[in-house]
Amino acid sequence: VQLVESGGGLVQAGGSLGLSCAGSGSTFVLMGWYRQAPGKQRELVASITTGGGNTNYADSVKGRFTISGDNAKNTVYLQMNSLKPEDTAVYYCNARRKVIFGYYDYWGQGTQVTVSS
């Protein structure tokens, strides 16, 4: 299983960035994005179920970020608008696969998002 992330980079506060993550080697029941800022724990940003397209967002990004998916491409996208300096972090793609006794999580390599003030 492989998750290949793209996007990210440097943007000024108020700007926009998009991330994408293409999965291969398996099918997933859930895909999403987490982030980790220096000195902080990794936290969920947004997730989407591949079956029903149900989404879940961290309160801090609601109304600014939009997650979407393309099941045919096994790809998840994160559109980030109205970015704030506190959004600066390494963003990790996550994909969850159903296994016999539960679920297994896969992770991308991470992509840096930096928002300057």
C-alpha atoms as a PDB file:
ATOM      1  CA  VAL A   1       0.000   0.000   0.000  1.00  0.00           C
ATOM      2  CA  GLN A   2       1.266   3.419  -0.915  1.00  0.00           C
ATOM      3  CA  LEU A   3      -0.068   6.914  -0.276  1.00  0.00           C
ATOM      4  CA  VAL A   4       1.427   9.637  -2.434  1.00  0.00           C
ATOM      5  CA  GLU A   5       0.796  13.193  -1.345  1.00  0.00           C
ATOM      6  CA  SER A   6       1.151  16.336  -3.382  1.00  0.00           C
ATOM      7  CA  GLY A   7       0.533  19.991  -2.797  1.00  0.00           C
ATOM      8  CA  GLY A   8       1.412  22.089   0.171  1.00  0.00           C
ATOM      9  CA  GLY A   9       4.007  24.821   0.279  1.00  0.00           C
ATOM     10  CA  LEU A  10       4.249  28.393   1.465  1.00  0.00           C
ATOM     11  CA  VAL A  11       1.366  30.865   1.368  1.00  0.00           C
ATOM     12  CA  GLN A  12       0.464  34.140   3.001  1.00  0.00           C
ATOM     13  CA  ALA A  13      -2.271  34.347   5.575  1.00  0.00           C
ATOM     14  CA  GLY A  14      -5.652  34.487   3.900  1.00  0.00           C
ATOM     15  CA  GLY A  15      -4.455  32.496   0.939  1.00  0.00           C
ATOM     16  CA  SER A  16      -5.376  29.053  -0.328  1.00  0.00           C
ATOM     17  CA  LEU A  17      -3.640  25.761  -0.918  1.00  0.00           C
ATOM     18  CA  GLY A  18      -4.732  22.344  -2.086  1.00  0.00           C
ATOM     19  CA  LEU A  19      -3.482  18.921  -1.093  1.00  0.00           C
ATOM     20  CA  SER A  20      -4.073  15.610  -2.785  1.00  0.00           C
ATOM     21  CA  CYS A  21      -3.317  12.049  -1.775  1.00  0.00           C
ATOM     22  CA  ALA A  22      -3.468   9.087  -4.132  1.00  0.00           C
ATOM     23  CA  GLY A  23      -3.704   5.641  -2.620  1.00  0.00           C
ATOM     24  CA  SER A  24      -2.721   2.389  -4.270  1.00  0.00           C
ATOM     25  CA  GLY A  25      -2.503  -1.244  -3.337  1.00  0.00           C
ATOM     26  CA  SER A  26      -5.755  -1.531  -1.445  1.00  0.00           C
ATOM     27  CA  THR A  27      -9.232  -0.178  -1.035  1.00  0.00           C
ATOM     28  CA  PHE A  28     -10.038   2.007   1.903  1.00  0.00           C
ATOM     29  CA  VAL A  29     -13.129   2.715   3.965  1.00  0.00           C
ATOM     30  CA  LEU A  30     -11.937   6.116   5.151  1.00  0.00           C
ATOM     31  CA  MET A  31      -9.417   8.663   3.959  1.00  0.00           C
ATOM     32  CA  GLY A  32      -8.387  11.895   5.543  1.00  0.00           C
ATOM     33  CA  TRP A  33      -5.789  14.380   6.609  1.00  0.00           C
ATOM     34  CA  TYR A  34      -3.995  14.899   9.885  1.00  0.00           C
ATOM     35  CA  ARG A  35      -1.487  17.574  10.783  1.00  0.00           C
ATOM     36  CA  GLN A  36       1.300  17.974  13.254  1.00  0.00           C
ATOM     37  CA  ALA A  37       2.843  21.283  14.255  1.00  0.00           C
ATOM     38  CA  PRO A  38       6.192  21.466  16.042  1.00  0.00           C
ATOM     39  CA  GLY A  39       5.841  20.477  19.664  1.00  0.00           C
ATOM     40  CA  LYS A  40       2.240  19.398  19.251  1.00  0.00           C
ATOM     41  CA  GLN A  41       0.444  16.118  18.825  1.00  0.00           C
ATOM     42  CA  ARG A  42      -0.837  14.959  15.492  1.00  0.00           C
ATOM     43  CA  GLU A  43      -4.470  15.965  15.098  1.00  0.00           C
ATOM     44  CA  LEU A  44      -7.286  15.155  12.721  1.00  0.00           C
ATOM     45  CA  VAL A  45      -8.003  17.863  10.185  1.00  0.00           C
ATOM     46  CA  ALA A  46     -10.700  16.226   8.090  1.00  0.00           C
ATOM     47  CA  SER A  47     -11.848  12.825   6.941  1.00  0.00           C
ATOM     48  CA  ILE A  48     -14.286  11.355   4.445  1.00  0.00           C
ATOM     49  CA  THR A  49     -15.816   7.915   4.163  1.00  0.00           C
ATOM     50  CA  THR A  50     -15.385   6.291   0.795  1.00  0.00           C
ATOM     51  CA  GLY A  51     -18.753   4.607   0.972  1.00  0.00           C
ATOM     52  CA  GLY A  52     -21.145   7.419   1.770  1.00  0.00           C
ATOM     53  CA  GLY A  53     -18.942  10.475   1.447  1.00  0.00           C
ATOM     54  CA  ASN A  54     -19.589  11.437   5.035  1.00  0.00           C
ATOM     55  CA  THR A  55     -17.192  14.117   6.197  1.00  0.00           C
ATOM     56  CA  ASN A  56     -15.759  15.116   9.529  1.00  0.00           C
ATOM     57  CA  TYR A  57     -13.799  18.288  10.284  1.00  0.00           C
ATOM     58  CA  ALA A  58     -11.831  19.664  13.168  1.00  0.00           C
ATOM     59  CA  ASP A  59     -13.617  22.654  14.634  1.00  0.00           C
ATOM     60  CA  SER A  60     -10.617  24.837  13.850  1.00  0.00           C
ATOM     61  CA  VAL A  61     -10.981  24.301  10.085  1.00  0.00           C
ATOM     62  CA  LYS A  62     -14.744  24.164   9.638  1.00  0.00           C
ATOM     63  CA  GLY A  63     -15.915  26.621   7.027  1.00  0.00           C
ATOM     64  CA  ARG A  64     -12.396  27.078   5.658  1.00  0.00           C
ATOM     65  CA  PHE A  65     -11.268  23.606   4.553  1.00  0.00           C
ATOM     66  CA  THR A  66     -13.101  21.199   2.286  1.00  0.00           C
ATOM     67  CA  ILE A  67     -12.322  17.519   1.911  1.00  0.00           C
ATOM     68  CA  SER A  68     -13.440  15.538  -1.106  1.00  0.00           C
ATOM     69  CA  GLY A  69     -12.701  12.199  -2.642  1.00  0.00           C
ATOM     70  CA  ASP A  70     -12.580  10.401  -5.950  1.00  0.00           C
ATOM     71  CA  ASN A  71     -13.175   6.704  -5.357  1.00  0.00           C
ATOM     72  CA  ALA A  72     -12.329   5.767  -8.913  1.00  0.00           C
ATOM     73  CA  LYS A  73      -8.871   7.230  -8.401  1.00  0.00           C
ATOM     74  CA  ASN A  74      -8.557   6.236  -4.741  1.00  0.00           C
ATOM     75  CA  THR A  75      -7.690   9.851  -4.113  1.00  0.00           C
ATOM     76  CA  VAL A  76      -8.596  12.358  -1.434  1.00  0.00           C
ATOM     77  CA  TYR A  77      -8.298  16.108  -1.718  1.00  0.00           C
ATOM     78  CA  LEU A  78      -8.123  18.896   0.820  1.00  0.00           C
ATOM     79  CA  GLN A  79      -8.875  22.433  -0.277  1.00  0.00           C
ATOM     80  CA  MET A  80      -7.662  24.925   2.286  1.00  0.00           C
ATOM     81  CA  ASN A  81      -8.947  28.496   2.133  1.00  0.00           C
ATOM     82  CA  SER A  82      -8.526  31.485   4.406  1.00  0.00           C
ATOM     83  CA  LEU A  83      -5.362  29.986   5.780  1.00  0.00           C
ATOM     84  CA  LYS A  84      -4.010  31.192   9.091  1.00  0.00           C
ATOM     85  CA  PRO A  85      -0.493  31.033  10.543  1.00  0.00           C
ATOM     86  CA  GLU A  86      -1.769  28.486  13.051  1.00  0.00           C
ATOM     87  CA  ASP A  87      -2.497  26.138  10.147  1.00  0.00           C
ATOM     88  CA  THR A  88       1.242  25.766   9.678  1.00  0.00           C
ATOM     89  CA  ALA A  89       2.141  22.108  10.120  1.00  0.00           C
ATOM     90  CA  VAL A  90       3.171  18.946   8.369  1.00  0.00           C
ATOM     91  CA  TYR A  91       0.043  17.459   6.844  1.00  0.00           C
ATOM     92  CA  TYR A  92      -0.256  13.680   6.643  1.00  0.00           C
ATOM     93  CA  CYS A  93      -2.599  11.693   4.484  1.00  0.00           C
ATOM     94  CA  ASN A  94      -4.352   8.843   6.258  1.00  0.00           C
ATOM     95  CA  ALA A  95      -6.161   5.871   4.747  1.00  0.00           C
ATOM     96  CA  ARG A  96      -7.994   3.236   6.742  1.00  0.00           C
ATOM     97  CA  ARG A  97      -8.480  -0.301   5.489  1.00  0.00           C
ATOM     98  CA  LYS A  98     -10.875  -2.784   6.964  1.00  0.00           C
ATOM     99  CA  VAL A  99      -9.185  -5.963   8.159  1.00  0.00           C
ATOM    100  CA  ILE A 100     -10.595  -9.081   9.760  1.00  0.00           C
ATOM    101  CA  PHE A 101     -10.478  -7.860  13.348  1.00  0.00           C
ATOM    102  CA  GLY A 102     -10.877  -4.153  12.835  1.00  0.00           C
ATOM    103  CA  TYR A 103      -9.081  -1.519  10.837  1.00  0.00           C
ATOM    104  CA  TYR A 104      -5.552  -0.706   9.794  1.00  0.00           C
ATOM    105  CA  ASP A 105      -4.265   2.810   9.177  1.00  0.00           C
ATOM    106  CA  TYR A 106      -1.772   3.789   6.514  1.00  0.00           C
ATOM    107  CA  TRP A 107       0.094   7.100   6.413  1.00  0.00           C
ATOM    108  CA  GLY A 108       1.636   9.265   3.765  1.00  0.00           C
ATOM    109  CA  GLN A 109       5.103  10.746   4.087  1.00  0.00           C
ATOM    110  CA  GLY A 110       3.810  14.188   5.037  1.00  0.00           C
ATOM    111  CA  THR A 111       3.852  17.508   3.241  1.00  0.00           C
ATOM    112  CA  GLN A 112       4.741  20.864   4.760  1.00  0.00           C
ATOM    113  CA  VAL A 113       2.225  23.689   4.805  1.00  0.00           C
ATOM    114  CA  THR A 114       3.559  27.028   5.958  1.00  0.00           C
ATOM    115  CA  VAL A 115       1.353  30.085   6.363  1.00  0.00           C
ATOM    116  CA  SER A 116       3.154  33.368   6.849  1.00  0.00           C
ATOM    117  CA  SER A 117       1.577  36.273   8.679  1.00  0.00           C
END
